[in-house]
Protein backbone atom coordinates (compact mmCIF):
# COMPACT_ATOMS: atom_id res chain seq x y z
CA MET A 1 56.81 136.12 91.14
CA PRO A 2 55.63 137.09 87.76
CA ASP A 3 57.56 140.12 85.91
CA PRO A 4 55.45 143.38 86.64
CA VAL A 5 56.48 144.68 83.46
CA LEU A 6 54.41 141.86 81.75
CA SER A 7 51.21 142.75 83.51
CA ALA A 8 49.66 145.41 81.16
CA GLN A 9 45.87 145.53 81.06
CA LEU A 10 43.51 143.94 78.48
CA PRO A 11 41.28 146.81 76.62
CA VAL A 12 38.40 145.29 78.39
CA PRO A 13 38.43 144.09 82.26
CA VAL A 14 38.20 140.05 82.13
CA GLN A 15 35.05 139.88 84.59
CA ASN A 16 33.25 141.68 81.42
CA LEU A 17 34.27 139.04 78.76
CA ASP A 18 32.43 136.08 78.36
CA TYR A 19 33.89 132.63 77.50
CA GLY A 20 33.88 133.39 73.87
CA ALA A 21 35.56 136.56 73.88
CA GLN A 22 38.15 135.43 76.23
CA LYS A 23 38.85 132.47 74.02
CA ASN A 24 39.26 135.02 71.03
CA ILE A 25 41.80 137.06 72.80
CA LEU A 26 43.78 133.83 73.55
CA SER A 27 44.08 133.00 70.05
CA GLY A 28 46.19 136.17 69.24
CA ALA A 29 47.10 137.19 72.73
CA ASP A 30 50.54 138.34 73.34
CA LEU A 31 52.50 137.94 76.68
CA PRO A 32 50.81 140.61 78.90
CA ALA A 33 47.23 139.91 78.01
CA ARG A 34 47.84 136.02 78.43
CA LEU A 35 49.50 136.89 81.78
CA GLN A 36 46.44 139.11 83.07
CA LEU A 37 44.17 136.31 81.89
CA ALA A 38 46.17 133.98 84.15
CA GLN A 39 46.06 136.18 87.05
CA ALA A 40 42.30 137.23 87.04
CA ALA A 41 40.09 135.52 89.20
CA ASP A 42 37.03 135.56 86.73
CA THR A 43 39.13 133.94 83.83
CA ARG A 44 36.91 131.08 82.55
CA PRO A 45 38.29 127.61 83.73
CA GLU A 46 38.61 126.34 80.17
CA ILE A 47 41.08 129.30 79.50
CA LEU A 48 42.99 128.76 82.74
CA TYR A 49 43.56 125.24 81.95
CA PHE A 50 44.49 126.22 78.34
CA LEU A 51 47.01 128.60 80.14
CA ALA A 52 48.69 125.84 82.14
CA ASP A 53 50.62 124.77 79.08
CA ASP A 54 51.56 128.09 78.45
CA GLU A 55 55.16 128.25 77.12
CA SER A 56 55.98 131.33 79.50
CA ASN A 57 56.96 130.38 83.03
CA ASP A 58 55.25 133.50 84.08
CA VAL A 59 51.88 132.76 82.84
CA ARG A 60 52.19 129.16 84.42
CA GLN A 61 53.08 130.63 87.59
CA ALA A 62 50.41 132.84 87.52
CA VAL A 63 47.84 130.19 86.75
CA ALA A 64 49.32 127.83 89.58
CA ALA A 65 48.65 130.79 92.26
CA ASN A 66 45.31 131.20 91.03
CA PRO A 67 42.54 130.01 93.29
CA ALA A 68 40.17 129.92 90.16
CA THR A 69 42.40 127.46 88.41
CA PRO A 70 40.32 123.99 88.01
CA MET A 71 41.89 120.73 89.70
CA GLN A 72 42.66 119.26 86.12
CA ALA A 73 44.84 122.35 85.49
CA ASP A 74 46.53 122.05 88.86
CA GLU A 75 47.22 118.46 88.18
CA MET A 76 49.01 119.53 84.95
CA LEU A 77 51.29 121.70 87.09
CA VAL A 78 52.24 119.53 89.95
CA ASP A 79 54.88 118.27 87.53
CA ASP A 80 55.98 121.57 85.75
CA ALA A 81 59.61 122.08 84.91
CA ASN A 82 59.71 125.43 86.66
CA ASP A 83 60.41 125.20 90.52
CA GLU A 84 58.52 128.61 91.11
CA VAL A 85 55.42 127.09 89.42
CA ARG A 86 55.32 124.08 91.58
CA GLY A 87 56.25 126.30 94.72
CA ASP A 88 53.48 128.43 94.20
CA LEU A 89 51.08 125.55 93.45
CA ALA A 90 52.00 123.97 96.63
CA LEU A 91 51.26 127.19 98.70
CA LYS A 92 48.04 127.57 97.05
CA ILE A 93 46.74 124.11 97.68
CA ALA A 94 47.93 124.14 101.51
CA ARG A 95 46.25 127.50 102.12
CA LEU A 96 43.10 126.46 100.45
CA LEU A 97 42.89 123.06 102.48
CA PRO A 98 41.33 124.55 105.46
CA ASP A 99 38.62 125.95 103.49
CA MET A 100 37.98 122.66 101.86
CA PRO A 101 34.00 121.58 102.91
CA ASP A 102 34.02 118.30 104.75
CA ASP A 103 31.37 117.01 102.54
CA GLU A 104 33.40 118.08 99.47
CA GLN A 105 33.32 114.78 97.18
CA GLU A 106 35.56 112.19 98.05
CA ARG A 107 37.34 112.16 94.46
CA VAL A 108 38.19 115.96 94.83
CA ARG A 109 39.74 115.44 98.44
CA GLU A 110 41.59 112.62 97.18
CA LEU A 111 43.01 114.29 94.01
CA THR A 112 43.96 117.25 96.38
CA PHE A 113 45.82 115.00 98.50
CA ASP A 114 47.64 113.42 95.53
CA MET A 115 48.74 116.89 94.55
CA LEU A 116 50.01 117.27 98.11
CA ARG A 117 51.97 113.84 98.06
CA THR A 118 53.69 114.68 95.04
CA LEU A 119 54.91 117.96 95.99
CA ALA A 120 55.70 116.68 99.23
CA SER A 121 58.09 114.45 97.35
CA ASP A 122 59.24 117.37 94.79
CA GLN A 123 63.03 116.86 93.83
CA LEU A 124 63.85 120.34 94.85
CA PRO A 125 64.00 121.20 98.67
CA ARG A 126 62.76 124.76 98.22
CA VAL A 127 59.48 123.59 96.63
CA ARG A 128 59.15 121.01 100.01
CA ALA A 129 59.89 123.80 102.37
CA MET A 130 57.35 125.74 100.89
CA LEU A 131 54.42 123.33 101.15
CA ALA A 132 56.17 122.27 105.03
CA GLU A 133 55.93 125.82 106.11
CA GLU A 134 52.07 126.36 105.09
CA LEU A 135 51.01 122.85 106.27
CA LYS A 136 53.43 122.93 109.85
CA SER A 137 50.06 124.09 111.73
CA SER A 138 47.40 122.56 109.65
CA ARG A 139 45.11 119.79 110.96
CA HIS A 140 43.41 119.34 107.53
CA VAL A 141 46.17 117.44 105.75
CA PRO A 142 46.80 113.50 105.98
CA HIS A 143 49.01 112.31 108.65
CA ALA A 144 50.87 110.40 106.38
CA ILE A 145 52.16 113.74 104.01
CA VAL A 146 53.27 115.50 107.65
CA ARG A 147 54.92 112.26 108.68
CA GLN A 148 56.73 112.44 105.40
CA LEU A 149 57.65 116.05 105.73
CA ALA A 150 59.13 115.34 108.94
CA LEU A 151 61.31 112.86 107.87
CA ASP A 152 62.92 115.02 104.97
CA ALA A 153 66.44 115.00 105.09
CA ALA A 154 66.39 118.68 104.25
CA VAL A 155 66.30 120.67 107.75
CA ILE A 156 64.30 123.87 105.80
CA VAL A 157 61.42 120.84 105.21
CA SER A 158 61.56 119.06 108.41
CA ALA A 159 62.14 121.63 111.07
CA PRO A 160 58.98 123.66 110.67
CA VAL A 161 56.96 120.50 110.66
CA LEU A 162 58.54 119.03 113.46
CA GLU A 163 58.32 122.28 115.71
CA TYR A 164 54.58 122.91 115.25
CA SER A 165 52.61 119.86 113.89
CA PRO A 166 49.65 118.88 115.83
CA LEU A 167 49.64 115.69 113.96
CA LEU A 168 52.94 114.29 114.94
CA SER A 169 52.51 111.66 117.71
CA ASP A 170 55.48 111.13 120.57
CA ALA A 171 55.92 107.72 118.20
CA ASP A 172 56.68 110.09 115.23
CA LEU A 173 58.94 112.27 116.95
CA MET A 174 61.03 109.27 118.63
CA GLU A 175 61.10 107.77 115.23
CA VAL A 176 62.76 110.85 113.83
CA ILE A 177 65.04 111.32 116.52
CA ALA A 178 66.24 107.38 116.55
CA ALA A 179 66.74 107.97 112.39
CA GLY A 180 69.68 110.23 113.75
CA CYS A 181 67.89 113.79 112.39
CA ALA A 182 70.05 116.59 111.99
CA GLN A 183 71.00 119.18 114.92
CA GLU A 184 68.17 121.71 113.51
CA ALA A 185 65.57 118.99 113.24
CA LEU A 186 66.36 117.77 116.79
CA CYS A 187 66.20 121.69 118.41
CA ALA A 188 63.05 122.02 116.53
CA ILE A 189 61.62 118.77 118.62
CA ALA A 190 63.04 120.23 121.81
CA ASN A 191 61.11 123.49 121.44
CA ARG A 192 57.62 122.33 120.62
CA SER A 193 54.82 123.61 122.60
CA LYS A 194 54.44 120.44 124.35
CA VAL A 195 57.26 117.82 124.69
CA SER A 196 56.35 114.46 126.74
CA GLU A 197 58.96 113.12 129.09
CA ASP A 198 59.37 110.08 126.88
CA VAL A 199 60.30 112.75 123.99
CA SER A 200 62.59 114.37 126.35
CA ASP A 201 64.51 111.48 127.53
CA ALA A 202 65.12 110.56 123.66
CA VAL A 203 66.64 114.32 123.05
CA VAL A 204 68.65 114.05 126.12
CA ALA A 205 69.87 110.55 125.07
CA THR A 206 71.67 112.18 122.21
CA PHE A 207 73.55 114.62 124.24
CA ASP A 208 73.36 117.19 121.30
CA VAL A 209 74.51 120.27 123.17
CA PRO A 210 71.99 122.63 121.38
CA ALA A 211 69.24 120.46 121.41
CA VAL A 212 69.57 119.90 125.38
CA ALA A 213 69.84 123.36 125.81
CA THR A 214 66.83 124.12 123.70
CA LEU A 215 64.86 121.58 125.84
CA LEU A 216 66.29 122.88 129.07
CA ALA A 217 64.92 126.29 128.43
CA ASN A 218 61.60 125.01 127.04
CA LYS A 219 59.14 125.51 130.27
CA ARG A 220 56.58 123.62 128.45
CA ALA A 221 58.72 120.37 127.97
CA SER A 222 58.41 117.46 130.72
CA ILE A 223 61.89 116.56 131.96
CA ARG A 224 62.11 113.65 134.46
CA GLU A 225 63.91 114.19 137.72
CA ALA A 226 66.12 110.94 136.69
CA THR A 227 66.90 112.84 133.34
CA LEU A 228 67.71 116.15 134.67
CA ASP A 229 70.19 114.28 137.24
CA LYS A 230 71.67 112.61 133.99
CA ILE A 231 72.26 116.05 132.32
CA ALA A 232 73.54 117.52 135.82
CA GLU A 233 76.48 114.60 135.95
CA ASN A 234 77.50 115.70 132.36
CA ALA A 235 77.08 119.43 132.28
CA ALA A 236 79.94 120.66 134.00
CA GLU A 237 81.77 121.51 130.45
CA VAL A 238 78.70 122.53 128.75
CA GLN A 239 77.97 126.19 129.58
CA SER A 240 74.87 126.71 127.53
CA TRP A 241 73.08 124.07 129.94
CA HIS A 242 73.87 125.73 133.16
CA GLU A 243 71.36 128.56 133.44
CA PRO A 244 68.46 126.58 131.68
CA MET A 245 69.06 123.71 133.84
CA VAL A 246 69.20 125.91 137.22
CA MET A 247 65.82 127.31 136.28
CA ARG A 248 64.03 123.82 136.08
CA PRO A 249 61.58 123.28 138.95
CA GLU A 250 62.01 119.64 138.85
CA LEU A 251 65.77 119.66 139.67
CA SER A 252 66.31 117.34 142.61
CA ILE A 253 68.37 118.06 145.69
CA ARG A 254 71.01 115.88 144.24
CA ALA A 255 71.19 117.61 141.03
CA VAL A 256 71.27 121.06 142.94
CA ARG A 257 74.42 119.89 144.81
CA ARG A 258 75.85 118.68 141.97
CA VAL A 259 75.78 121.96 139.92
CA ALA A 260 76.58 124.18 142.58
CA GLY A 261 80.36 122.92 142.00
CA PHE A 262 80.12 124.34 138.77
CA VAL A 263 77.91 126.86 137.81
CA ALA A 264 78.77 130.92 137.64
CA SER A 265 78.24 132.73 140.88
CA SER A 266 75.17 134.61 139.74
CA LEU A 267 73.55 131.30 138.90
CA LEU A 268 74.72 129.83 142.30
CA GLU A 269 73.06 132.63 143.81
CA LYS A 270 69.68 131.87 142.25
CA LEU A 271 69.87 128.07 143.45
CA ALA A 272 70.27 129.56 146.78
CA GLU A 273 67.04 131.65 146.64
CA ARG A 274 64.81 128.74 145.56
CA ASN A 275 62.40 128.15 148.35
CA ASP A 276 61.60 124.58 147.32
CA LEU A 277 64.87 123.37 148.97
CA ASP A 278 65.26 121.85 152.60
CA ARG A 279 67.27 124.06 155.20
CA GLU A 280 70.37 121.93 154.79
CA THR A 281 70.88 122.45 151.24
CA THR A 282 70.09 126.13 151.47
CA ARG A 283 72.85 126.18 154.09
CA PHE A 284 75.21 124.56 151.87
CA LEU A 285 74.36 126.79 148.80
CA THR A 286 74.76 130.04 151.02
CA LYS A 287 78.32 128.83 152.06
CA LYS A 288 79.06 128.03 148.61
CA VAL A 289 78.27 131.50 147.33
CA LYS A 290 80.39 133.14 149.97
CA GLU A 291 83.11 130.83 149.05
CA ARG A 292 82.83 131.61 145.46
CA ILE A 293 82.60 135.35 146.14
CA ALA A 294 85.45 135.42 148.22
CA LYS A 295 87.53 133.42 145.78
CA SER A 296 86.65 135.38 142.68
CA SER A 297 87.08 138.74 144.32
CA GLY A 298 90.69 137.63 145.19
CA GLU A 299 91.30 136.62 141.77
CA VAL A 300 89.89 139.37 139.87
CA GLN A 301 92.00 141.59 142.09
CA GLU A 302 95.27 139.62 141.68
CA GLU A 303 94.76 140.04 137.85
CA GLU A 304 94.13 143.80 137.89
CA ARG A 305 97.10 143.91 140.04
CA GLU A 306 99.42 142.18 137.34
CA GLN A 307 97.76 144.53 134.72
CA VAL A 308 98.56 147.70 136.63
CA MET A 309 102.11 146.60 137.31
CA VAL A 310 102.55 145.77 133.47
CA LEU A 311 101.04 149.17 132.39
CA ASP A 312 103.28 151.31 135.16
CA GLN A 313 106.62 149.37 133.94
CA ARG A 314 105.59 150.39 130.10
CA MET A 315 104.87 154.10 131.67
CA LEU A 316 101.21 153.44 130.31
CA LEU A 317 99.57 153.72 133.59
CA ASP A 318 98.32 157.19 132.65
CA ASP A 319 94.96 159.09 132.59
CA ASP A 320 93.95 157.21 129.51
CA ALA A 321 94.21 154.11 131.13
CA MET A 322 92.55 155.21 134.15
CA GLU A 323 89.48 156.36 131.94
CA GLN A 324 89.29 152.98 130.23
CA ALA A 325 89.13 151.19 133.67
CA LEU A 326 86.63 153.62 134.92
CA LEU A 327 84.40 153.42 131.96
CA SER A 328 84.34 149.55 132.16
CA GLY A 329 83.66 149.55 135.63
CA ARG A 330 86.95 148.12 136.58
CA ASN A 331 86.88 149.49 140.03
CA ASP A 332 89.73 147.18 141.37
CA PHE A 333 91.95 148.18 138.76
CA VAL A 334 91.53 151.65 139.54
CA ILE A 335 92.06 150.79 143.46
CA GLU A 336 95.39 149.19 142.74
CA ALA A 337 96.36 152.20 140.26
CA LEU A 338 95.59 154.77 142.60
CA SER A 339 97.59 152.67 145.45
CA LEU A 340 100.76 152.32 143.18
CA ARG A 341 100.45 155.77 142.06
CA THR A 342 100.20 157.27 145.37
CA ASN A 343 102.45 154.74 147.33
CA MET A 344 99.45 154.17 149.47
CA SER A 345 98.25 150.48 150.81
CA VAL A 346 95.23 149.11 148.89
CA ASP A 347 93.32 149.09 152.09
CA LEU A 348 94.07 152.72 152.91
CA VAL A 349 93.05 153.70 149.23
CA ARG A 350 89.71 151.60 149.84
CA LYS A 351 89.05 153.52 152.90
CA ILE A 352 89.33 156.85 151.43
CA ILE A 353 86.97 155.90 148.27
CA GLY A 354 84.67 154.21 151.21
CA THR A 355 84.13 157.66 152.53
CA SER A 356 82.24 158.94 149.68
CA SER A 357 83.57 162.25 150.42
CA ALA A 358 84.23 164.42 147.46
CA LYS A 359 87.10 166.28 148.75
CA ALA A 360 88.84 163.26 149.97
CA ILE A 361 88.83 161.29 146.57
CA THR A 362 89.74 164.47 144.54
CA ALA A 363 92.73 165.05 147.11
CA LEU A 364 93.58 161.14 146.39
CA ALA A 365 93.31 161.48 142.61
CA TRP A 366 95.69 164.83 142.84
CA LYS A 367 98.31 162.50 145.01
CA ALA A 368 98.51 160.07 142.10
CA ASN A 369 99.14 162.79 140.09
CA LEU A 370 96.11 162.33 137.90
CA THR A 371 94.22 165.14 136.03
CA MET A 372 90.82 166.55 137.46
CA ARG A 373 88.84 165.12 134.73
CA THR A 374 89.85 161.96 136.03
CA ALA A 375 89.33 162.90 139.79
CA ILE A 376 85.50 163.88 138.72
CA GLN A 377 85.30 160.22 137.04
CA ILE A 378 86.85 158.45 140.25
CA GLN A 379 84.20 160.21 142.35
CA SER A 380 81.35 159.55 140.06
CA ARG A 381 81.99 155.99 139.22
CA THR A 382 84.32 154.48 141.96
CA GLY A 383 83.15 156.70 144.81
CA HIS A 384 79.16 156.89 143.58
CA ILE A 385 78.96 160.32 144.51
CA PRO A 386 75.61 161.64 143.06
CA PRO A 387 76.25 164.35 140.62
CA LYS A 388 74.85 167.22 142.47
CA LYS A 389 77.67 166.38 145.08
CA LEU A 390 80.69 166.21 142.93
CA LEU A 391 83.70 168.30 143.40
CA ASN A 392 83.81 169.93 139.91
CA ALA A 393 86.89 171.32 138.31
CA ARG A 394 87.95 175.25 138.38
CA HIS A 395 88.11 177.08 135.14
CA GLY A 396 87.21 173.88 133.21
CA THR A 397 90.22 172.18 134.20
CA ASP A 398 92.11 172.96 137.30
CA TYR A 399 91.92 171.23 140.83
CA PRO A 400 89.32 173.34 142.91
CA LEU A 401 91.28 172.83 146.11
CA SER A 402 94.60 174.48 147.14
CA GLU A 403 97.91 172.04 147.66
CA ALA A 404 97.48 172.85 151.51
CA GLU A 405 93.82 171.78 151.51
CA MET A 406 94.43 168.22 149.88
CA ILE A 407 97.55 167.62 151.91
CA LYS A 408 95.26 168.60 154.69
CA GLN A 409 92.50 165.92 153.23
CA ILE A 410 95.02 162.94 152.83
CA GLY A 411 96.55 163.42 156.17
CA LYS A 412 93.14 162.56 157.88
CA PHE A 413 93.73 159.14 157.01
CA LEU A 414 97.41 158.75 157.68
């Protein structure tokens, strides 16, 4: 953008000056005055044409951005050596296209399109990208220009057009895919507001992981059942495909049974909740869910038991370790630790915790030689006792029950 320091005011507003006065200013104008003339909407076309050849980049950039600049001056700026000038010109022309009357002289329209073609071939990707961003949703630009931008090797140029342009046909999109486009461009195609089955097939055929994940997550993309089956056959090791694939309504019974073998338990539960499955498949999924939960619970408990043992051997199974586990919601760790520190079985500890008795849980923490502060946390986070029913500390830190009372509480379960 032009330097604001240069934007000094002329003695008289531009709109109050006729052509002769503006020309006289130019004859001896300093940079701030020339810049203001270049920016003003009321500057005469002849003056703007003259300023299009100014030695200052800021002045030429202002002329390029000025909607009042005549087309002859714009044509001069298309090949300007400064990329900021060409970039602002690209933005202006693209923005003026929708307002160009349908009955505009054919020559004027063709000259405008010629400038767009030149800018679409600019040597700097940034200039082409600015043009693509402005034209991405336009219906007023020749198809050939949009297609050229879509096939651009620079992703910053092609991606906006590939994702949003209403002028690109399925044939155009499939040509881009067949040409071996970059991953970002492929994702842009997969994320269009409407993706046909043929285009979806072409995206899936690349087996590009992010692009296929984007396609699966796009609810407006049409995907054949056979194509989803193909994805399911190759999805076991690709976690980013699991959730969006499970949510696809077109997923066949065959694919449902296949993915049930490798998706996470939470996704398996979502599959089981679908109401478009036959009874046999629903029973199959329900059984899988139960098996997965049992297996997962056993694995987690074993891991937590090993962690408890390691910390105990290192003499680190203390209140701090318990507090960290409680804050992280690691209830299996807490139960295993209480079992080890009280020399009571895990089942017995679970039974005491399951009573939701503030006194019993407090006595359990006391027997584990933990502080009352930790006992309160166990009541709340593991025992799920509401705040109003918590057994709080006496004098801020002491256990509120006598030793005899706590022995009595434990004795109820022995």
